[in-house]
Amino acid sequence: MSTLTNVKDKAILILEDGTVLYGKAFGTKGTATGEICFNTGMTGYQEVFTDPSYYGQVLIMNNAHIGNYGVKPGDVESEGVKVKSVIGRNLEEPFSRFLAEGSLQEYFIKNNIVAINEVDTRALVAHIRTKGAMNCIISSADLDIESLKKQLKEVPSMDGLELASTVSTSAPYTLGNEASDLRIAVLDFGVKKNILNCLVERGAYVKVFNAKTSFEELKQFNPKGYFISNGPGDPAPMTYAVQTVKQILASDMPLFGICLGHQLLALANDIPTFKMHHGHRGLNHPVKNLVTGKSEITTQNHGFGIDPDAVRKSNQVEITHVNLNDESIEGIRVKGKKAFSVQYHPEATPGPHDSRYLFDDFISMIQNN
């Protein structure tokens, strides 16, 4: 049984490559494992922690102070924290925001999150940038290095791991005005609340379906468009989802995909995905829209990408957006179809709203259809 940590409790972090770091316990006392990754954002930590796309991962928050403005119920992207654990330089218990309803410490305890504090996160991020993403283990309950290394060996690799069905809704639900003609079927692989809000705010009536819902069941909702959501894990094993996306494409209905949805649209067009060296996670990634020639600052959270060479050779798909840091593919559209997707997060919670026009584009595509 996990217990409340004492600020004097020690905690230990061990990486798959043998790196061992010590810090102070934060949150719940216990042990946590997962793939280590990092987010460079300076704000929006509660939205990040509750993003289902982070399921299965241990998150380094690169900003020096996390928790300094507390937590409140509205700043969430799902029901509860989805990261497996958090690593911080200064995970703060005191908070200054008068709107907050509690501390980060209380929030982690409520959500049973094991965290480690007082780690040199900038040095750790530099290490991950060099060595790449890998599994890790954090513990404030067991400080025996050999015992922890043995446990770490049992943690499955994110490469080949299907997690989307784990975080998907168990039962369909609806949002928005039922009388609206803008009926959108959402395949939920870990959809963020504010993606749904962006659709509802534009007048859509949305029905959210479990990840493994058949195309025939989706059609019964009589949707005017389909949305393929973000989510965690490797898209390659999700053959069930790829088949559904292919059926949506064959129906020639408007389709919009974000992040994992972008990768599934690529797979449905015979473009393979791959595991990135350390992924993109943060609030300030520059992307160029090749259609308009304009650049936008984007929010990102992904550890997989689509094969750039395969996209460029494809006769079915064209590139619409590229990352200006590494030229990775950030957006595609299917030739001759009303289907497009982006790798980044245009809802941008947290982050700048440069890319929210994509929701307007999707709504216009539905109306014009």
Protein backbone atom coordinates (compact mmCIF):
# COMPACT_ATOMS: atom_id res chain seq x y z
CA MET A 1 0.00 0.00 0.00
CA SER A 2 1.36 3.43 -0.95
CA THR A 3 1.72 6.04 1.77
CA LEU A 4 2.26 9.77 2.03
CA THR A 5 5.89 10.79 1.60
CA ASN A 6 7.86 12.84 4.07
CA VAL A 7 9.91 15.68 2.57
CA LYS A 8 13.01 14.14 4.15
CA ASP A 9 12.46 10.81 2.37
CA LYS A 10 15.01 9.90 -0.25
CA ALA A 11 14.11 8.75 -3.74
CA ILE A 12 16.13 7.09 -6.47
CA LEU A 13 15.95 7.18 -10.27
CA ILE A 14 17.61 4.51 -12.40
CA LEU A 15 17.74 4.62 -16.20
CA GLU A 16 17.90 1.64 -18.53
CA ASP A 17 21.48 2.57 -19.47
CA GLY A 18 22.58 2.19 -15.83
CA THR A 19 22.52 5.88 -14.85
CA VAL A 20 21.61 6.31 -11.15
CA LEU A 21 20.38 9.61 -9.69
CA TYR A 22 19.24 10.48 -6.18
CA GLY A 23 16.68 13.03 -5.08
CA LYS A 24 13.87 13.68 -2.59
CA ALA A 25 10.52 11.93 -2.55
CA PHE A 26 7.41 13.84 -3.62
CA GLY A 27 3.78 12.79 -3.97
CA THR A 28 3.00 9.21 -2.98
CA LYS A 29 5.58 6.87 -1.52
CA GLY A 30 6.14 3.89 -3.80
CA THR A 31 7.72 2.72 -7.06
CA ALA A 32 6.91 3.68 -10.65
CA THR A 33 8.23 2.60 -14.05
CA GLY A 34 7.85 3.72 -17.66
CA GLU A 35 9.59 5.32 -20.61
CA ILE A 36 11.36 8.53 -19.67
CA CYS A 37 10.64 11.66 -21.73
CA PHE A 38 10.81 15.41 -21.21
CA ASN A 39 8.61 18.46 -21.66
CA THR A 40 10.20 21.89 -22.12
CA GLY A 41 7.10 23.98 -21.34
CA MET A 42 7.26 26.58 -18.57
CA THR A 43 3.55 26.44 -17.73
CA GLY A 44 0.49 24.23 -18.07
CA TYR A 45 1.85 21.38 -15.98
CA GLN A 46 -1.57 20.16 -14.83
CA GLU A 47 -2.85 19.91 -18.41
CA VAL A 48 0.32 18.03 -19.32
CA PHE A 49 0.01 15.57 -16.42
CA THR A 50 -3.60 14.76 -17.37
CA ASP A 51 -2.97 14.34 -21.13
CA PRO A 52 -3.78 10.68 -21.99
CA SER A 53 -1.02 10.71 -24.63
CA TYR A 54 1.49 10.57 -21.75
CA TYR A 55 0.11 7.28 -20.44
CA GLY A 56 2.94 4.82 -19.78
CA GLN A 57 5.61 7.52 -19.49
CA VAL A 58 7.77 9.05 -16.79
CA LEU A 59 7.94 12.78 -17.42
CA ILE A 60 10.84 15.14 -16.80
CA MET A 61 9.58 18.71 -16.38
CA ASN A 62 12.50 20.79 -17.62
CA ASN A 63 11.32 24.08 -16.14
CA ALA A 64 12.97 24.83 -12.78
CA HIS A 65 9.74 25.33 -10.79
CA ILE A 66 6.67 23.10 -11.14
CA GLY A 67 3.64 23.35 -8.87
CA ASN A 68 4.17 27.00 -7.93
CA TYR A 69 0.63 28.01 -8.98
CA GLY A 70 -1.11 24.96 -7.54
CA VAL A 71 -3.88 22.96 -9.19
CA LYS A 72 -7.59 23.40 -9.90
CA PRO A 73 -10.31 21.19 -11.40
CA GLY A 74 -10.67 23.11 -14.69
CA ASP A 75 -7.04 22.74 -15.76
CA VAL A 76 -7.30 19.14 -16.89
CA GLU A 77 -7.40 17.19 -20.15
CA SER A 78 -8.88 13.98 -18.70
CA GLU A 79 -10.16 12.48 -15.48
CA GLY A 80 -7.03 12.16 -13.37
CA VAL A 81 -3.27 12.16 -13.89
CA LYS A 82 -2.09 9.98 -16.80
CA VAL A 83 1.72 10.16 -16.49
CA LYS A 84 3.27 7.26 -14.59
CA SER A 85 5.65 9.49 -12.62
CA VAL A 86 7.20 12.97 -12.61
CA ILE A 87 10.81 14.15 -12.27
CA GLY A 88 11.44 17.75 -11.22
CA ARG A 89 14.13 20.18 -10.12
CA ASN A 90 11.80 22.01 -7.75
CA LEU A 91 8.41 20.37 -7.28
CA GLU A 92 6.68 22.99 -5.16
CA GLU A 93 4.17 22.35 -2.39
CA PRO A 94 3.45 26.03 -1.55
CA PHE A 95 1.48 27.83 -4.31
CA SER A 96 0.58 31.43 -5.05
CA ARG A 97 -2.55 31.40 -7.28
CA PHE A 98 -5.67 32.38 -5.35
CA LEU A 99 -7.84 30.41 -7.84
CA ALA A 100 -6.03 27.16 -7.06
CA GLU A 101 -7.80 24.63 -4.86
CA GLY A 102 -4.80 22.65 -3.68
CA SER A 103 -1.11 21.92 -3.92
CA LEU A 104 0.72 19.71 -6.40
CA GLN A 105 1.74 17.46 -3.50
CA GLU A 106 -1.91 16.89 -2.54
CA TYR A 107 -2.82 16.34 -6.19
CA PHE A 108 -0.15 13.67 -6.67
CA ILE A 109 -1.19 11.88 -3.48
CA LYS A 110 -4.85 11.90 -4.57
CA ASN A 111 -3.85 10.43 -7.93
CA ASN A 112 -1.33 7.98 -6.44
CA ILE A 113 1.65 9.47 -8.32
CA VAL A 114 5.21 8.72 -7.25
CA ALA A 115 7.56 11.62 -8.06
CA ILE A 116 11.18 12.58 -7.45
CA ASN A 117 12.31 16.10 -6.57
CA GLU A 118 15.65 17.95 -6.48
CA VAL A 119 17.05 16.30 -9.61
CA ASP A 120 19.24 18.28 -12.02
CA THR A 121 16.64 18.10 -14.78
CA ARG A 122 18.61 20.15 -17.29
CA ALA A 123 21.53 17.71 -17.11
CA LEU A 124 19.09 14.79 -17.29
CA VAL A 125 17.35 16.24 -20.35
CA ALA A 126 20.74 16.74 -22.03
CA HIS A 127 21.48 13.08 -21.31
CA ILE A 128 18.20 11.93 -22.88
CA ARG A 129 18.75 14.18 -25.89
CA THR A 130 22.07 12.40 -26.43
CA LYS A 131 21.20 8.82 -25.48
CA GLY A 132 17.54 8.78 -26.54
CA ALA A 133 14.33 7.72 -24.81
CA MET A 134 14.60 4.67 -22.56
CA ASN A 135 12.79 2.98 -19.70
CA CYS A 136 13.41 4.01 -16.11
CA ILE A 137 12.33 3.28 -12.55
CA ILE A 138 11.69 5.70 -9.67
CA SER A 139 11.27 4.63 -6.08
CA SER A 140 10.91 6.18 -2.65
CA ALA A 141 9.93 2.82 -1.14
CA ASP A 142 12.86 0.65 -2.26
CA LEU A 143 16.34 2.17 -2.43
CA ASP A 144 18.18 -1.06 -3.25
CA ILE A 145 19.81 -0.49 -6.65
CA GLU A 146 20.05 -4.15 -7.64
CA SER A 147 16.43 -4.80 -6.68
CA LEU A 148 15.28 -1.81 -8.75
CA LYS A 149 17.41 -2.80 -11.74
CA LYS A 150 15.78 -6.24 -11.67
CA GLN A 151 12.32 -4.63 -11.72
CA LEU A 152 13.38 -2.29 -14.51
CA LYS A 153 14.30 -5.21 -16.77
CA GLU A 154 10.66 -6.36 -16.63
CA VAL A 155 9.28 -3.08 -18.05
CA PRO A 156 8.13 -3.50 -21.68
CA SER A 157 9.53 -1.27 -24.42
CA MET A 158 7.27 1.47 -25.77
CA ASP A 159 8.26 0.26 -29.24
CA GLY A 160 5.44 -2.11 -30.24
CA LEU A 161 3.27 -1.28 -27.21
CA GLU A 162 -0.43 -0.68 -27.88
CA LEU A 163 -1.82 1.62 -25.16
CA ALA A 164 -4.61 3.58 -26.86
CA SER A 165 -7.35 1.07 -26.04
CA THR A 166 -6.32 1.28 -22.37
CA VAL A 167 -7.18 4.98 -22.06
CA SER A 168 -10.19 5.03 -24.42
CA THR A 169 -13.71 5.63 -23.15
CA SER A 170 -15.52 2.45 -22.10
CA ALA A 171 -18.91 3.74 -23.28
CA PRO A 172 -19.95 6.30 -25.93
CA TYR A 173 -20.94 9.79 -24.80
CA THR A 174 -22.08 13.01 -26.49
CA LEU A 175 -21.24 16.71 -26.20
CA GLY A 176 -22.78 19.81 -27.77
CA ASN A 177 -26.14 20.68 -29.28
CA GLU A 178 -28.02 17.59 -30.45
CA ALA A 179 -29.93 19.68 -33.00
CA SER A 180 -26.72 20.66 -34.82
CA ASP A 181 -26.15 19.47 -38.39
CA LEU A 182 -22.42 19.31 -37.64
CA ARG A 183 -22.40 15.75 -36.32
CA ILE A 184 -18.87 14.48 -35.70
CA ALA A 185 -17.93 10.93 -34.70
CA VAL A 186 -14.77 10.88 -32.57
CA LEU A 187 -12.66 7.75 -32.32
CA ASP A 188 -11.17 8.03 -28.85
CA PHE A 189 -7.61 6.78 -28.50
CA GLY A 190 -6.99 9.12 -25.56
CA VAL A 191 -8.70 12.31 -26.70
CA LYS A 192 -8.01 15.52 -24.77
CA LYS A 193 -10.98 17.40 -23.35
CA ASN A 194 -10.02 20.64 -25.05
CA ILE A 195 -9.94 19.02 -28.49
CA LEU A 196 -13.59 18.15 -27.95
CA ASN A 197 -14.22 21.67 -26.64
CA CYS A 198 -12.72 23.15 -29.81
CA LEU A 199 -15.22 21.16 -31.89
CA VAL A 200 -18.23 21.94 -29.68
CA GLU A 201 -17.37 25.64 -29.55
CA ARG A 202 -17.68 25.68 -33.35
CA GLY A 203 -21.24 24.34 -33.20
CA ALA A 204 -20.56 20.62 -33.55
CA TYR A 205 -22.54 17.82 -31.94
CA VAL A 206 -19.92 15.27 -30.99
CA LYS A 207 -20.22 11.60 -30.11
CA VAL A 208 -17.12 9.97 -28.64
CA PHE A 209 -16.63 6.26 -29.31
CA ASN A 210 -14.37 3.57 -27.89
CA ALA A 211 -11.14 2.97 -29.80
CA LYS A 212 -12.25 -0.41 -31.15
CA THR A 213 -15.68 0.69 -32.39
CA SER A 214 -16.45 -0.65 -35.86
CA PHE A 215 -17.05 1.62 -38.82
CA GLU A 216 -20.59 0.23 -39.09
CA GLU A 217 -21.36 1.38 -35.55
CA LEU A 218 -19.82 4.80 -36.19
CA LYS A 219 -22.05 5.21 -39.26
CA GLN A 220 -25.17 4.63 -37.16
CA PHE A 221 -24.59 8.03 -35.57
CA ASN A 222 -25.04 9.52 -39.07
CA PRO A 223 -21.93 11.70 -38.74
CA LYS A 224 -21.06 14.42 -41.23
CA GLY A 225 -17.37 14.08 -40.34
CA TYR A 226 -14.94 11.86 -38.45
CA PHE A 227 -12.23 12.83 -35.98
CA ILE A 228 -9.30 10.51 -35.17
CA SER A 229 -7.81 11.44 -31.80
CA ASN A 230 -4.44 11.67 -30.14
CA GLY A 231 -3.31 8.92 -27.78
CA PRO A 232 -0.39 7.01 -26.24
CA GLY A 233 1.80 4.16 -27.42
CA ASP A 234 2.99 2.79 -30.74
CA PRO A 235 0.54 3.19 -33.67
CA ALA A 236 2.02 0.26 -35.65
CA PRO A 237 0.23 -2.52 -33.69
CA MET A 238 -3.14 -0.74 -34.02
CA THR A 239 -4.31 -2.68 -37.06
CA TYR A 240 -7.91 -2.48 -35.84
CA ALA A 241 -7.76 1.34 -36.01
CA VAL A 242 -5.97 1.43 -39.37
CA GLN A 243 -8.73 -0.70 -40.86
CA THR A 244 -11.39 1.69 -39.55
CA VAL A 245 -9.56 4.70 -40.96
CA LYS A 246 -9.35 2.97 -44.34
CA GLN A 247 -13.11 2.45 -44.27
CA ILE A 248 -13.69 6.11 -43.41
CA LEU A 249 -11.47 7.12 -46.34
CA ALA A 250 -13.41 4.81 -48.66
CA SER A 251 -16.66 6.49 -47.58
CA ASP A 252 -15.22 9.83 -48.79
CA MET A 253 -16.41 11.68 -45.69
CA PRO A 254 -14.44 14.54 -44.07
CA LEU A 255 -11.75 13.27 -41.71
CA PHE A 256 -9.37 15.11 -39.37
CA GLY A 257 -6.63 13.45 -37.30
CA ILE A 258 -4.36 14.80 -34.57
CA CYS A 259 -1.09 13.25 -33.33
CA LEU A 260 -1.78 9.48 -33.07
CA GLY A 261 -4.65 10.13 -35.51
CA HIS A 262 -2.10 11.63 -37.91
CA GLN A 263 0.05 8.50 -37.66
CA LEU A 264 -2.98 6.23 -38.22
CA LEU A 265 -3.97 8.20 -41.33
CA ALA A 266 -0.43 7.69 -42.64
CA LEU A 267 -0.56 3.94 -41.92
CA ALA A 268 -3.91 3.73 -43.70
CA ASN A 269 -2.10 5.07 -46.77
CA ASP A 270 0.79 2.59 -46.52
CA ILE A 271 3.19 5.08 -44.94
CA PRO A 272 5.07 3.46 -42.04
CA THR A 273 5.69 5.03 -38.65
CA PHE A 274 8.89 4.93 -36.60
CA LYS A 275 10.00 5.52 -33.02
CA MET A 276 11.78 8.85 -32.65
CA HIS A 277 15.09 9.24 -30.84
CA HIS A 278 13.56 11.27 -28.02
CA GLY A 279 10.35 12.78 -29.39
CA HIS A 280 8.88 16.29 -29.36
CA ARG A 281 7.18 17.56 -26.21
CA GLY A 282 6.68 21.21 -25.35
CA LEU A 283 4.92 24.45 -26.23
CA ASN A 284 7.25 26.23 -28.63
CA HIS A 285 7.95 23.98 -31.62
CA PRO A 286 8.06 25.94 -34.91
CA VAL A 287 6.08 24.45 -37.80
CA LYS A 288 5.73 25.76 -41.37
CA ASN A 289 2.44 25.49 -43.24
CA LEU A 290 3.57 24.68 -46.79
CA VAL A 291 0.17 25.63 -48.21
CA THR A 292 0.11 29.20 -46.87
CA GLY A 293 3.85 29.70 -46.38
CA LYS A 294 3.24 30.87 -42.82
CA SER A 295 4.90 29.57 -39.68
CA GLU A 296 3.18 28.76 -36.40
CA ILE A 297 4.40 28.01 -32.88
CA THR A 298 2.92 24.69 -31.79
CA THR A 299 2.28 22.44 -28.82
CA GLN A 300 3.65 18.93 -29.30
CA ASN A 301 3.64 15.58 -27.52
CA HIS A 302 4.76 12.56 -29.52
CA GLY A 303 7.45 9.91 -29.49
CA PHE A 304 6.59 8.40 -32.88
CA GLY A 305 6.56 9.96 -36.34
CA ILE A 306 5.73 9.07 -39.93
CA ASP A 307 8.43 8.05 -42.40
CA PRO A 308 9.46 11.22 -44.30
CA ASP A 309 10.89 9.35 -47.29
CA ALA A 310 7.74 7.27 -47.69
CA VAL A 311 5.55 10.39 -47.57
CA ARG A 312 7.61 12.13 -50.23
CA LYS A 313 7.41 9.08 -52.51
CA SER A 314 3.68 8.55 -51.95
CA ASN A 315 1.20 9.10 -54.76
CA GLN A 316 -1.70 9.16 -52.28
CA VAL A 317 -0.57 11.75 -49.74
CA GLU A 318 0.98 15.21 -49.85
CA ILE A 319 2.85 17.09 -47.12
CA THR A 320 1.18 20.20 -45.70
CA HIS A 321 3.32 21.01 -42.62
CA VAL A 322 6.97 20.47 -41.64
CA ASN A 323 8.88 20.98 -38.40
CA LEU A 324 11.40 23.80 -38.77
CA ASN A 325 13.78 22.28 -36.19
CA ASP A 326 14.31 18.85 -37.75
CA GLU A 327 12.15 18.84 -40.93
CA SER A 328 10.00 15.99 -39.61
CA ILE A 329 6.54 15.67 -41.17
CA GLU A 330 3.96 17.60 -39.17
CA GLY A 331 0.95 17.54 -41.49
CA ILE A 332 -0.48 15.64 -44.47
CA ARG A 333 -3.59 15.49 -46.59
CA VAL A 334 -4.87 12.66 -48.75
CA LYS A 335 -5.09 13.45 -52.46
CA GLY A 336 -8.60 13.27 -53.84
CA LYS A 337 -10.11 12.89 -50.36
CA LYS A 338 -11.48 15.20 -47.69
CA ALA A 339 -8.92 13.96 -45.18
CA PHE A 340 -6.04 15.69 -43.42
CA SER A 341 -4.04 15.44 -40.22
CA VAL A 342 -1.33 17.10 -38.14
CA GLN A 343 1.26 15.63 -35.81
CA TYR A 344 1.07 18.50 -33.32
CA HIS A 345 -1.76 19.73 -31.06
CA PRO A 346 -3.73 22.69 -32.46
CA GLU A 347 -6.02 22.84 -29.39
CA ALA A 348 -2.83 23.96 -27.56
CA THR A 349 -3.79 23.49 -23.93
CA PRO A 350 -1.30 24.49 -22.81
CA GLY A 351 0.36 26.55 -25.52
CA PRO A 352 -0.15 29.26 -28.17
CA HIS A 353 -3.30 29.23 -30.32
CA ASP A 354 -1.57 29.75 -33.68
CA SER A 355 -2.95 26.50 -35.09
CA ARG A 356 -6.58 26.54 -34.00
CA TYR A 357 -7.54 27.50 -37.55
CA LEU A 358 -7.33 23.78 -38.33
CA PHE A 359 -10.58 23.20 -36.45
CA ASP A 360 -12.19 25.94 -38.57
CA ASP A 361 -10.84 24.22 -41.69
CA PHE A 362 -12.40 20.92 -40.59
CA ILE A 363 -15.78 22.51 -39.87
CA SER A 364 -15.70 24.28 -43.27
CA MET A 365 -14.86 20.99 -44.97
CA ILE A 366 -17.93 19.40 -43.34
CA GLN A 367 -20.20 22.33 -44.27
CA ASN A 368 -18.98 22.37 -47.87
CA ASN A 369 -19.57 18.65 -48.14
